[in-house]
Amino acid sequence: MPHRGITTGLAAAAGLAMTLALPAIPASAASEAQPASPDAAAAHAADQAVASGLGALSRGPAEAFRRVGLTAGDAGLFYSAYERTYQGLRVVGGDAVVVADGAGNVRGASAAETAPIAVGTQAALDAAKAASTARAQLPTVDSVSAPEKVVLAGTNPKLAYEVVVSGRTATAPSRLHVFVDAATGAILDQRDDIKTFSSGAKSPAAPNQQNTANAAGTGNSYYVGTVSLDTTQSGSTYSMRDPGRPGISCGREGGSVYSGPDNTWGNGSGTNLETGCVDALFSVQTEWKMLKDWLGRNGINGSGRGFPASVGLNDVNAYWDGSSTHFGHSQDNRRQATSMDVVGHEFGHGIFQTTPGGAGSGNENGGLNESTGDIFGAMTEAYANNAKDRPDYEVGEGVNLVGQGPIRYMYNPSKVGDPNCYSSSIPRTEVHAAAGPQNHWFYLLAEGSNPGGGKPSSPTCNNSSVTGVGIQKAAKIFYNGLLKKTSSWNHRAARKATLEAAIALYPGSCTEFNATKAAWNAVSVPAVSGEPTCTTR
């Protein structure tokens, strides 16, 4: 039988095995001690672990944690996400995740930052000055939020103003979070909600939510042929609004959801925007099904909701803006950028944002975010297994965005000049290029270095040979690792989290663990202190 040893995070700090012995519960809390369901038991145990302040959950007397999310993973595990506060102020980058099972046993914890916080909370800088400084960071500004006083975590925590500036850069839309030092007025950090895909008809109508009914529509798509769509009927009017997946809809950029007197959509032309919406709606509905069937995730945001899509963006690109997806067109203007892998990619950003730790910041984190989009796109293609758009690990091959084929190759990122291997330069690498190492890892884990069957071989950075475990197992390992994400997410953290996930998901075997480890080694992500082991007796 395989034997596993793992002492990580909270458990290691407490000098215990994987299950943490929690403080006794007062008699007055006896009713809370018997939660009615596994998720309630896991949340209760996580809250107790946070209250204990052990290990990664240590905090100063002026600090507190607040649970902001609970996500069910596989193997009976639940992931509780926490936000940190300091003297009532939100701590940006102070988040934590606690893993517990349905029996109320804590399995581990991680925190984005554990440095103690000791800062004054009186700002020397006027809020209006902070807003003015933030506004100057974009050449075109549509709106500026009221500055919020926060603590910016790190090795040297600082009191700051967070200001959200909406507008445009020289080339793209932007929703920029600017952190201004509340003492000096210096800019401490910036992070943009807009995540682009590449570094480079019926009349729209207002939605009618009254007396609606589910309807099965027919879509004539450009990329995958004739498809069935879940649409909404209201009286004699149909709309491209999903009746069973709240938040999912498609319409023209800057307009409303497409609607009309019949339930047939698009004409199959690459230049027709309604056809673009057929591809977008069908793709996100397929991704939603994949998330449920393969990963047990409830919708794009994990809580049963999704986000709207729009087509007709006047750009050779596509993007996620933090609450919706937007799709442009190919450079030759002959196709909408709504192939299944592109749509899966953009909604993949939504998944990254709504898993613990949020969207994060920095190039390495951003590269992992971009890679997450690519991985969910590949997973959606594999789940659909459509004869007109066969599953592959090439990103955007159908769109042919700039006339040079795919913009990324997961099995060999270097084909377009992106790094195959992790190195110390990744934190300084442009985010789409920085997707290379994790994309490469996922392909190796799913398919291996020499999969055969017409699938491309994948070079390894250490000249090793890797045997894949199949895309469904790889998807589970990747996703359950992602549920341990914090805002300081990096490749080493992803390695450790996915190794832990492989052990939890496949307790009767070391095959999946060994493949996960071999794939990380093969892309030069080094071993991490405290990572688990799996050996046979």
Protein backbone atom coordinates (compact mmCIF):
# COMPACT_ATOMS: atom_id res chain seq x y z
CA MET A 1 0.00 0.00 0.00
CA PRO A 2 1.25 3.51 -0.70
CA HIS A 3 2.47 5.41 2.32
CA ARG A 4 2.20 9.17 2.47
CA GLY A 5 3.77 11.69 4.76
CA ILE A 6 2.62 15.27 4.78
CA THR A 7 2.96 17.96 7.40
CA THR A 8 2.28 21.33 5.91
CA GLY A 9 1.12 24.79 6.84
CA LEU A 10 -0.91 24.83 10.02
CA ALA A 11 -0.23 21.19 10.87
CA ALA A 12 3.52 21.53 10.56
CA ALA A 13 3.59 24.70 12.63
CA ALA A 14 1.64 22.95 15.35
CA GLY A 15 4.04 19.98 15.30
CA LEU A 16 1.14 17.71 14.42
CA ALA A 17 0.16 15.39 11.64
CA MET A 18 -2.27 16.48 8.94
CA THR A 19 -5.26 16.67 11.29
CA LEU A 20 -5.05 19.48 13.82
CA ALA A 21 -6.22 19.01 17.40
CA LEU A 22 -8.46 22.00 18.00
CA PRO A 23 -9.26 23.70 21.28
CA ALA A 24 -12.18 22.31 23.25
CA ILE A 25 -15.52 23.89 22.40
CA PRO A 26 -17.31 25.60 25.30
CA ALA A 27 -20.51 23.93 26.44
CA SER A 28 -22.45 27.03 25.44
CA ALA A 29 -21.41 26.33 21.87
CA ALA A 30 -22.57 22.72 21.95
CA SER A 31 -25.15 23.34 19.26
CA GLU A 32 -22.42 24.72 16.99
CA ALA A 33 -20.30 21.66 17.72
CA GLN A 34 -22.69 19.47 15.76
CA PRO A 35 -23.01 21.12 12.33
CA ALA A 36 -25.83 19.75 10.23
CA SER A 37 -23.84 19.09 7.05
CA PRO A 38 -20.28 18.34 5.89
CA ASP A 39 -19.77 21.85 4.54
CA ALA A 40 -20.96 23.35 7.82
CA ALA A 41 -18.66 21.03 9.76
CA ALA A 42 -15.70 22.03 7.58
CA ALA A 43 -16.48 25.74 7.91
CA HIS A 44 -16.86 25.40 11.67
CA ALA A 45 -13.52 23.61 11.97
CA ALA A 46 -11.82 26.22 9.77
CA ASP A 47 -13.22 29.04 11.89
CA GLN A 48 -11.89 27.35 15.01
CA ALA A 49 -8.48 26.95 13.40
CA VAL A 50 -8.44 30.65 12.56
CA ALA A 51 -9.42 31.48 16.13
CA SER A 52 -6.50 29.38 17.38
CA GLY A 53 -4.01 31.58 15.49
CA LEU A 54 -1.58 28.71 14.96
CA GLY A 55 1.03 28.49 12.21
CA ALA A 56 0.13 30.33 9.03
CA LEU A 57 -2.91 31.77 10.81
CA SER A 58 -0.93 33.71 13.39
CA ARG A 59 -1.97 37.33 13.81
CA GLY A 60 -1.37 40.33 16.00
CA PRO A 61 -3.82 41.63 18.61
CA ALA A 62 -5.21 44.27 16.23
CA GLU A 63 -5.73 41.77 13.41
CA ALA A 64 -8.72 39.59 12.61
CA PHE A 65 -9.79 37.11 9.95
CA ARG A 66 -13.21 37.03 8.31
CA ARG A 67 -14.40 34.06 6.26
CA VAL A 68 -15.45 35.26 2.79
CA GLY A 69 -15.92 31.99 0.92
CA LEU A 70 -16.30 28.21 1.16
CA THR A 71 -15.68 25.99 -1.85
CA ALA A 72 -16.18 22.24 -2.05
CA GLY A 73 -13.33 20.35 -3.67
CA ASP A 74 -12.91 16.64 -4.34
CA ALA A 75 -12.11 13.91 -1.80
CA GLY A 76 -14.55 15.40 0.70
CA LEU A 77 -12.44 18.51 1.27
CA PHE A 78 -13.66 22.08 1.69
CA TYR A 79 -11.60 25.25 1.22
CA SER A 80 -12.45 28.24 3.41
CA ALA A 81 -11.13 31.60 2.23
CA TYR A 82 -10.43 34.38 4.73
CA GLU A 83 -9.80 38.11 4.49
CA ARG A 84 -7.59 39.80 7.09
CA THR A 85 -8.30 43.13 8.75
CA TYR A 86 -6.10 45.39 10.88
CA GLN A 87 -7.83 47.79 13.26
CA GLY A 88 -10.89 47.40 11.05
CA LEU A 89 -9.05 48.19 7.80
CA ARG A 90 -8.92 45.64 4.99
CA VAL A 91 -5.48 44.09 4.57
CA VAL A 92 -4.69 43.70 0.87
CA GLY A 93 -2.51 40.61 0.47
CA GLY A 94 -3.31 39.31 3.95
CA ASP A 95 -5.67 36.52 2.87
CA ALA A 96 -5.56 32.91 4.02
CA VAL A 97 -7.07 29.52 3.13
CA VAL A 98 -7.97 26.71 5.53
CA VAL A 99 -8.60 23.18 4.25
CA ALA A 100 -10.94 20.96 6.26
CA ASP A 101 -12.95 17.81 5.63
CA GLY A 102 -16.62 17.16 6.13
CA ALA A 103 -15.96 15.45 9.45
CA GLY A 104 -14.59 18.67 10.88
CA ASN A 105 -10.87 17.86 10.68
CA VAL A 106 -8.50 20.62 9.58
CA ARG A 107 -6.10 19.37 6.91
CA GLY A 108 -3.91 22.41 6.39
CA ALA A 109 -3.72 26.16 5.97
CA SER A 110 -1.79 28.74 4.02
CA ALA A 111 -1.53 32.51 4.13
CA ALA A 112 -0.40 35.04 1.57
CA GLU A 113 1.65 36.87 4.19
CA THR A 114 2.49 36.14 7.81
CA ALA A 115 4.60 39.20 8.69
CA PRO A 116 3.16 41.02 11.72
CA ILE A 117 1.42 44.32 11.06
CA ALA A 118 2.19 47.40 13.08
CA VAL A 119 1.29 50.58 11.24
CA GLY A 120 -0.47 53.78 12.17
CA THR A 121 -3.94 54.24 10.77
CA GLN A 122 -3.97 58.03 10.47
CA ALA A 123 -3.14 59.12 6.93
CA ALA A 124 -0.84 62.08 6.41
CA LEU A 125 -1.91 62.30 2.77
CA ASP A 126 -5.27 63.77 1.87
CA ALA A 127 -7.63 61.31 0.12
CA ALA A 128 -8.23 63.79 -2.71
CA LYS A 129 -4.49 63.90 -3.41
CA ALA A 130 -4.40 60.10 -3.55
CA ALA A 131 -7.27 60.13 -6.06
CA SER A 132 -5.44 62.70 -8.18
CA THR A 133 -2.25 60.62 -8.16
CA ALA A 134 -4.19 57.51 -9.16
CA ARG A 135 -6.06 59.32 -11.93
CA ALA A 136 -2.75 60.29 -13.54
CA GLN A 137 -1.88 56.62 -14.13
CA LEU A 138 -4.21 56.31 -17.14
CA PRO A 139 -4.17 58.56 -20.21
CA THR A 140 -7.96 58.26 -20.62
CA VAL A 141 -10.13 58.22 -17.50
CA ASP A 142 -13.84 57.45 -17.30
CA SER A 143 -14.24 57.26 -13.52
CA VAL A 144 -12.28 57.28 -10.27
CA SER A 145 -13.52 55.53 -7.14
CA ALA A 146 -13.55 57.08 -3.71
CA PRO A 147 -10.18 56.26 -2.09
CA GLU A 148 -10.37 53.45 0.47
CA LYS A 149 -7.87 53.36 3.31
CA VAL A 150 -6.27 49.89 3.49
CA VAL A 151 -3.16 48.17 4.74
CA LEU A 152 -0.94 46.81 1.98
CA ALA A 153 0.65 43.63 3.31
CA GLY A 154 4.21 42.51 2.67
CA THR A 155 7.53 42.29 4.43
CA ASN A 156 7.07 45.98 5.26
CA PRO A 157 3.30 46.63 5.60
CA LYS A 158 2.13 50.14 4.78
CA LEU A 159 -0.99 52.22 5.21
CA ALA A 160 -2.30 53.05 1.75
CA TYR A 161 -5.24 54.33 -0.24
CA GLU A 162 -6.72 51.98 -2.82
CA VAL A 163 -8.21 53.88 -5.76
CA VAL A 164 -9.86 52.17 -8.75
CA VAL A 165 -9.43 54.10 -12.00
CA SER A 166 -11.54 53.02 -15.00
CA GLY A 167 -10.59 54.11 -18.50
CA ARG A 168 -8.09 53.11 -21.16
CA THR A 169 -4.39 52.66 -21.59
CA ALA A 170 -2.91 53.62 -24.95
CA THR A 171 -4.08 50.29 -26.38
CA ALA A 172 -6.75 48.67 -24.20
CA PRO A 173 -9.48 49.23 -21.62
CA SER A 174 -8.37 49.32 -17.99
CA ARG A 175 -9.80 49.01 -14.51
CA LEU A 176 -6.69 49.85 -12.56
CA HIS A 177 -6.35 49.42 -8.80
CA VAL A 178 -3.74 51.95 -7.64
CA PHE A 179 -2.26 51.78 -4.13
CA VAL A 180 -0.95 55.13 -2.96
CA ASP A 181 1.21 55.44 0.16
CA ALA A 182 -0.92 57.27 2.73
CA ALA A 183 2.21 58.87 4.21
CA THR A 184 4.31 59.88 1.19
CA GLY A 185 1.97 59.81 -1.80
CA ALA A 186 4.21 57.33 -3.62
CA ILE A 187 2.62 54.60 -5.71
CA LEU A 188 3.18 51.30 -3.91
CA ASP A 189 1.48 48.89 -6.30
CA GLN A 190 -0.88 48.67 -9.26
CA ARG A 191 -3.05 45.83 -10.51
CA ASP A 192 -5.49 45.76 -13.41
CA ASP A 193 -8.78 43.84 -13.48
CA ILE A 194 -8.56 43.67 -17.28
CA LYS A 195 -6.98 40.37 -18.41
CA THR A 196 -6.52 40.21 -22.19
CA PHE A 197 -6.32 37.04 -24.27
CA SER A 198 -3.28 38.17 -26.20
CA SER A 199 -0.41 40.55 -25.53
CA GLY A 200 -1.03 42.19 -28.38
CA ALA A 201 -28.70 39.93 -36.82
CA LYS A 202 -31.31 40.47 -34.33
CA SER A 203 -31.56 43.83 -32.66
CA PRO A 204 -30.37 43.99 -29.09
CA ALA A 205 -33.23 44.44 -26.65
CA ALA A 206 -33.53 45.16 -22.96
CA PRO A 207 -33.92 41.98 -20.92
CA ASN A 208 -37.40 41.04 -19.78
CA GLN A 209 -37.37 38.94 -16.64
CA GLN A 210 -41.16 38.60 -16.33
CA ASN A 211 -42.99 35.39 -17.25
CA THR A 212 -39.89 33.78 -18.68
CA ALA A 213 -39.47 30.14 -19.63
CA ASN A 214 -36.62 27.82 -20.52
CA ALA A 215 -36.20 27.29 -24.23
CA ALA A 216 -33.98 25.07 -26.37
CA GLY A 217 -32.59 27.17 -29.17
CA THR A 218 -30.65 26.26 -32.29
CA GLY A 219 -27.40 28.06 -32.98
CA ASN A 220 -25.50 28.22 -36.25
CA SER A 221 -21.97 28.71 -35.01
CA TYR A 222 -18.81 29.52 -36.93
CA TYR A 223 -16.44 27.19 -35.09
CA VAL A 224 -18.44 24.07 -34.13
CA GLY A 225 -21.39 23.87 -36.54
CA THR A 226 -25.03 23.63 -35.51
CA VAL A 227 -25.49 23.48 -31.75
CA SER A 228 -28.22 23.49 -29.13
CA LEU A 229 -28.41 26.55 -26.87
CA ASP A 230 -30.18 27.10 -23.57
CA THR A 231 -32.11 30.34 -24.08
CA THR A 232 -34.98 32.21 -22.44
CA GLN A 233 -38.50 32.75 -23.75
CA SER A 234 -40.66 35.64 -22.58
CA GLY A 235 -44.00 35.68 -24.32
CA SER A 236 -43.25 35.59 -28.04
CA THR A 237 -39.68 36.85 -27.61
CA TYR A 238 -36.56 34.75 -27.19
CA SER A 239 -33.23 35.95 -25.82
CA MET A 240 -29.66 34.72 -25.56
CA ARG A 241 -29.89 34.66 -21.80
CA ASP A 242 -29.30 31.32 -20.09
CA PRO A 243 -32.38 30.45 -18.02
CA GLY A 244 -30.63 27.96 -15.72
CA ARG A 245 -27.20 29.50 -15.30
CA PRO A 246 -27.64 32.88 -13.60
CA GLY A 247 -25.48 35.65 -15.05
CA ILE A 248 -24.76 33.91 -18.37
CA SER A 249 -25.89 35.82 -21.47
CA CYS A 250 -24.53 37.23 -24.71
CA GLY A 251 -25.13 40.45 -26.60
CA ARG A 252 -23.51 43.10 -28.72
CA GLU A 253 -20.62 45.08 -27.19
CA GLY A 254 -22.07 48.16 -25.55
CA GLY A 255 -25.61 46.93 -26.13
CA SER A 256 -28.08 44.49 -24.65
CA VAL A 257 -28.59 40.76 -24.81
CA TYR A 258 -29.60 39.55 -28.28
CA SER A 259 -33.32 38.82 -28.64
CA GLY A 260 -35.81 38.10 -31.38
CA PRO A 261 -39.09 36.45 -32.41
CA ASP A 262 -37.62 33.00 -33.07
CA ASN A 263 -35.19 30.68 -31.31
CA THR A 264 -32.71 30.21 -34.15
CA TRP A 265 -29.51 32.19 -33.85
CA GLY A 266 -26.67 33.16 -36.15
CA ASN A 267 -25.94 32.27 -39.76
CA GLY A 268 -22.57 30.52 -39.39
CA SER A 269 -20.60 33.46 -40.81
CA GLY A 270 -17.41 34.57 -39.11
CA THR A 271 -18.30 38.22 -39.63
CA ASN A 272 -21.78 37.96 -38.11
CA LEU A 273 -21.89 39.15 -34.50
CA GLU A 274 -24.90 37.08 -33.58
CA THR A 275 -22.99 34.02 -34.79
CA GLY A 276 -20.16 35.13 -32.52
CA CYS A 277 -22.62 35.06 -29.65
CA VAL A 278 -23.69 31.53 -30.63
CA ASP A 279 -20.09 30.38 -30.20
CA ALA A 280 -19.62 32.34 -26.97
CA LEU A 281 -22.85 31.13 -25.36
CA PHE A 282 -22.40 27.52 -26.41
CA SER A 283 -18.79 27.53 -25.19
CA VAL A 284 -19.51 28.93 -21.73
CA GLN A 285 -22.49 26.58 -21.33
CA THR A 286 -20.13 23.72 -22.20
CA GLU A 287 -17.51 25.00 -19.77
CA TRP A 288 -20.16 25.18 -17.03
CA LYS A 289 -21.06 21.53 -17.67
CA MET A 290 -17.41 20.52 -17.61
CA LEU A 291 -16.88 22.28 -14.29
CA LYS A 292 -19.79 20.36 -12.78
CA ASP A 293 -19.09 16.94 -14.30
CA TRP A 294 -15.30 16.87 -14.00
CA LEU A 295 -14.60 19.11 -11.02
CA GLY A 296 -17.82 19.39 -9.02
CA ARG A 297 -17.68 23.20 -9.27
CA ASN A 298 -20.98 25.06 -9.14
CA GLY A 299 -20.80 27.58 -11.96
CA ILE A 300 -18.04 29.93 -13.02
CA ASN A 301 -17.86 31.66 -9.64
CA GLY A 302 -18.24 28.45 -7.62
CA SER A 303 -21.52 29.67 -6.11
CA GLY A 304 -23.89 28.96 -8.96
CA ARG A 305 -23.39 32.11 -11.00
CA GLY A 306 -21.63 33.18 -14.14
CA PHE A 307 -20.91 36.39 -16.02
CA PRO A 308 -22.15 38.01 -19.24
CA ALA A 309 -20.36 37.96 -22.58
CA SER A 310 -20.40 40.50 -25.39
CA VAL A 311 -19.15 40.36 -28.98
CA GLY A 312 -18.18 43.11 -31.37
CA LEU A 313 -15.27 44.54 -29.38
CA ASN A 314 -13.34 46.77 -31.78
CA ASP A 315 -10.01 45.14 -31.03
CA VAL A 316 -7.86 42.23 -32.18
CA ASN A 317 -8.17 40.64 -28.77
CA ALA A 318 -10.55 39.49 -26.05
CA TYR A 319 -10.57 40.29 -22.37
CA TRP A 320 -12.02 39.68 -18.90
CA ASP A 321 -12.70 42.88 -16.93
CA GLY A 322 -13.42 41.43 -13.49
CA SER A 323 -17.16 40.95 -14.03
CA SER A 324 -17.74 40.22 -17.74
CA THR A 325 -16.07 38.93 -20.90
CA HIS A 326 -15.55 40.83 -24.14
CA PHE A 327 -14.63 39.37 -27.53
CA GLY A 328 -13.08 41.13 -30.51
CA HIS A 329 -12.05 39.78 -33.90
CA SER A 330 -9.15 38.46 -35.92
CA GLN A 331 -6.74 40.90 -37.50
CA ASP A 332 -8.17 40.25 -40.95
CA ASN A 333 -11.65 40.88 -39.52
CA ARG A 334 -12.98 37.60 -40.92
CA ARG A 335 -13.65 35.83 -37.61
CA GLN A 336 -14.87 36.71 -34.13
CA ALA A 337 -12.48 35.73 -31.31
CA THR A 338 -15.07 33.36 -29.87
CA SER A 339 -13.63 29.88 -30.40
CA MET A 340 -14.15 27.49 -27.51
CA ASP A 341 -10.60 27.76 -26.17
CA VAL A 342 -10.70 31.57 -26.22
CA VAL A 343 -14.08 31.69 -24.47
CA GLY A 344 -12.89 29.07 -21.98
CA HIS A 345 -9.77 31.15 -21.40
CA GLU A 346 -11.64 34.38 -20.62
CA PHE A 347 -14.11 32.71 -18.27
CA GLY A 348 -11.09 30.90 -16.80
CA HIS A 349 -9.94 34.30 -15.56
CA GLY A 350 -13.29 34.51 -13.78
CA ILE A 351 -12.58 31.17 -12.11
CA PHE A 352 -9.11 32.31 -11.06
CA GLN A 353 -10.57 35.50 -9.59
CA THR A 354 -13.31 33.68 -7.67
CA THR A 355 -11.11 30.99 -6.15
CA PRO A 356 -9.36 31.85 -2.86
CA GLY A 357 -6.80 34.64 -3.13
CA GLY A 358 -8.57 36.46 -5.95
CA ALA A 359 -6.74 37.77 -9.00
CA GLY A 360 -3.52 38.76 -7.18
CA SER A 361 -0.86 40.93 -8.76
CA GLY A 362 2.60 40.81 -10.29
CA ASN A 363 3.94 39.14 -13.41
CA GLU A 364 4.45 35.66 -11.96
CA ASN A 365 0.96 35.60 -10.49
CA GLY A 366 -0.35 37.10 -13.73
CA GLY A 367 1.37 34.40 -15.75
CA LEU A 368 -0.30 31.73 -13.63
CA ASN A 369 -3.62 33.55 -14.18
CA GLU A 370 -3.10 33.53 -17.96
CA SER A 371 -2.09 29.87 -17.84
CA THR A 372 -5.21 29.09 -15.82
CA GLY A 373 -7.27 30.57 -18.66
CA ASP A 374 -5.43 28.44 -21.22
CA ILE A 375 -5.88 25.31 -19.10
CA PHE A 376 -9.62 25.83 -18.68
CA GLY A 377 -9.87 26.44 -22.42
CA ALA A 378 -8.10 23.14 -23.14
CA MET A 379 -10.28 21.34 -20.59
CA THR A 380 -13.45 22.73 -22.17
CA GLU A 381 -12.33 21.63 -25.64
CA ALA A 382 -11.54 18.15 -24.33
CA TYR A 383 -14.91 17.88 -22.58
CA ALA A 384 -16.80 18.97 -25.72
CA ASN A 385 -14.74 16.70 -28.01
CA ASN A 386 -16.28 18.42 -31.02
CA ALA A 387 -15.42 16.98 -34.43
CA LYS A 388 -15.19 20.47 -35.98
CA ASP A 389 -12.90 21.83 -33.28
CA ARG A 390 -10.97 18.86 -31.99
CA PRO A 391 -9.32 19.03 -28.57
CA ASP A 392 -5.73 20.20 -28.60
CA TYR A 393 -3.32 22.21 -26.55
CA GLU A 394 -2.92 25.05 -29.03
CA VAL A 395 -4.40 28.37 -27.92
CA GLY A 396 -6.52 30.29 -30.40
CA GLU A 397 -5.66 28.19 -33.45
CA GLY A 398 -9.15 28.57 -34.90
CA VAL A 399 -9.27 32.32 -34.48
CA ASN A 400 -5.82 32.75 -36.04
CA LEU A 401 -5.76 36.10 -34.32
CA VAL A 402 -2.92 37.82 -36.18
CA GLY A 403 -2.53 35.47 -39.13
CA GLN A 404 0.24 33.39 -37.58
CA GLY A 405 -1.77 30.48 -36.15
CA PRO A 406 -2.01 29.77 -32.41
CA ILE A 407 -0.76 32.44 -30.04
CA ARG A 408 0.47 29.85 -27.51
CA TYR A 409 1.46 26.18 -27.63
CA MET A 410 0.98 24.47 -24.29
CA TYR A 411 3.08 21.44 -25.22
CA ASN A 412 5.99 23.60 -26.39
CA PRO A 413 5.63 27.28 -25.43
CA SER A 414 8.97 28.10 -27.09
CA LYS A 415 7.37 27.67 -30.53
CA VAL A 416 6.23 31.29 -30.18
CA GLY A 417 9.17 32.43 -28.08
CA ASP A 418 7.65 31.86 -24.62
CA PRO A 419 9.64 30.06 -21.92
CA ASN A 420 9.18 26.30 -21.56
CA CYS A 421 10.96 26.29 -18.22
CA TYR A 422 10.65 28.15 -14.96
CA SER A 423 13.54 30.43 -14.00
CA SER A 424 14.24 33.43 -11.81
CA SER A 425 13.31 35.67 -14.76
CA ILE A 426 9.64 34.62 -14.74
CA PRO A 427 8.62 37.29 -12.17
CA ARG A 428 9.87 39.87 -14.69
CA THR A 429 8.36 38.22 -17.79
CA GLU A 430 5.30 39.62 -19.59
CA VAL A 431 2.26 37.76 -18.24
CA HIS A 432 1.20 35.94 -21.42
CA ALA A 433 4.73 34.65 -21.94
CA ALA A 434 4.97 33.80 -18.23
CA ALA A 435 2.07 31.37 -18.78
CA GLY A 436 4.58 29.05 -20.48
CA PRO A 437 5.93 26.96 -17.58
CA GLN A 438 2.55 26.04 -16.04
CA ASN A 439 1.00 25.42 -19.47
CA HIS A 440 3.91 23.10 -20.22
CA TRP A 441 3.49 21.37 -16.82
CA PHE A 442 -0.20 20.76 -17.45
CA TYR A 443 0.42 19.17 -20.84
CA LEU A 444 3.10 16.90 -19.41
CA LEU A 445 0.83 15.89 -16.52
CA ALA A 446 -2.13 15.23 -18.81
CA GLU A 447 -0.44 13.70 -21.86
CA GLY A 448 3.22 13.07 -21.03
CA SER A 449 6.35 13.92 -22.94
CA ASN A 450 5.79 11.35 -25.72
CA PRO A 451 2.07 10.54 -25.71
CA GLY A 452 1.77 9.03 -29.20
CA GLY A 453 -1.57 8.68 -30.94
CA GLY A 454 -0.89 11.72 -33.07
CA LYS A 455 -0.43 14.00 -30.08
CA PRO A 456 2.69 16.16 -30.12
CA SER A 457 5.77 15.27 -28.12
CA SER A 458 6.80 17.77 -25.47
CA PRO A 459 10.43 18.55 -24.67
CA THR A 460 11.39 18.57 -21.00
CA CYS A 461 13.79 20.98 -19.33
CA ASN A 462 15.68 18.19 -17.54
CA ASN A 463 15.66 15.71 -20.45
CA SER A 464 13.38 13.41 -18.49
CA SER A 465 10.53 11.27 -19.75
CA VAL A 466 7.10 11.95 -18.21
CA THR A 467 4.06 9.67 -18.42
CA GLY A 468 0.74 11.51 -18.40
CA VAL A 469 -2.32 10.61 -16.34
CA GLY A 470 -5.01 11.89 -18.74
CA ILE A 471 -6.65 15.28 -18.92
CA GLN A 472 -9.47 14.55 -16.47
CA LYS A 473 -7.10 13.54 -13.68
CA ALA A 474 -4.78 16.44 -14.54
CA ALA A 475 -7.77 18.79 -14.40
CA LYS A 476 -8.77 17.56 -10.94
CA ILE A 477 -5.23 17.89 -9.60
CA PHE A 478 -4.82 21.38 -11.07
CA TYR A 479 -8.18 22.65 -9.86
CA ASN A 480 -7.92 21.27 -6.34
CA GLY A 481 -4.48 22.84 -6.09
CA LEU A 482 -5.98 26.14 -7.26
CA LEU A 483 -8.41 26.02 -4.34
CA LYS A 484 -5.42 26.57 -2.02
CA LYS A 485 -4.43 29.75 -3.86
CA THR A 486 -3.62 32.93 -1.97
CA SER A 487 -2.96 36.40 -3.40
CA SER A 488 0.80 35.72 -3.32
CA TRP A 489 0.41 32.65 -5.58
CA ASN A 490 3.55 31.57 -7.41
CA HIS A 491 4.92 28.47 -9.14
CA ARG A 492 6.43 26.98 -6.00
CA ALA A 493 3.12 27.35 -4.16
CA ALA A 494 1.30 25.78 -7.11
CA ARG A 495 3.73 22.85 -7.08
CA LYS A 496 3.18 22.18 -3.38
CA ALA A 497 -0.60 22.61 -3.60
CA THR A 498 -0.98 20.24 -6.57
CA LEU A 499 1.20 17.60 -4.91
CA GLU A 500 -1.03 17.81 -1.85
CA ALA A 501 -4.08 17.60 -4.13
CA ALA A 502 -2.76 14.48 -5.88
CA ILE A 503 -2.38 12.73 -2.52
CA ALA A 504 -5.84 13.75 -1.33
CA LEU A 505 -7.56 12.83 -4.60
CA TYR A 506 -5.89 9.47 -5.21
CA PRO A 507 -5.19 7.94 -1.80
CA GLY A 508 -4.77 4.43 -3.17
CA SER A 509 -1.97 5.24 -5.58
CA CYS A 510 1.30 7.11 -5.95
CA THR A 511 1.02 7.18 -9.76
CA GLU A 512 -0.73 10.54 -9.93
CA PHE A 513 1.52 12.10 -7.29
CA ASN A 514 4.65 10.90 -9.07
CA ALA A 515 3.42 12.24 -12.42
CA THR A 516 2.57 15.62 -10.86
CA LYS A 517 6.02 15.84 -9.32
CA ALA A 518 7.79 14.66 -12.46
CA ALA A 519 5.95 17.24 -14.56
CA TRP A 520 6.99 20.08 -12.22
CA ASN A 521 10.58 18.83 -12.23
CA ALA A 522 10.41 18.69 -16.03
CA VAL A 523 9.61 22.42 -16.24
CA SER A 524 12.29 23.34 -13.68
CA VAL A 525 10.03 24.32 -10.76
CA PRO A 526 12.17 23.18 -7.81
CA ALA A 527 11.13 21.22 -4.74
CA VAL A 528 9.56 23.24 -1.94
CA SER A 529 10.22 22.94 1.76
CA GLY A 530 7.45 20.96 3.41
CA GLU A 531 6.03 19.46 0.24
CA PRO A 532 4.55 15.98 0.68
CA THR A 533 6.08 12.65 -0.23
CA CYS A 534 4.53 9.41 -1.46
CA THR A 535 6.37 6.11 -1.10
CA THR A 536 5.32 2.48 -1.24
CA ARG A 537 5.95 0.15 1.67
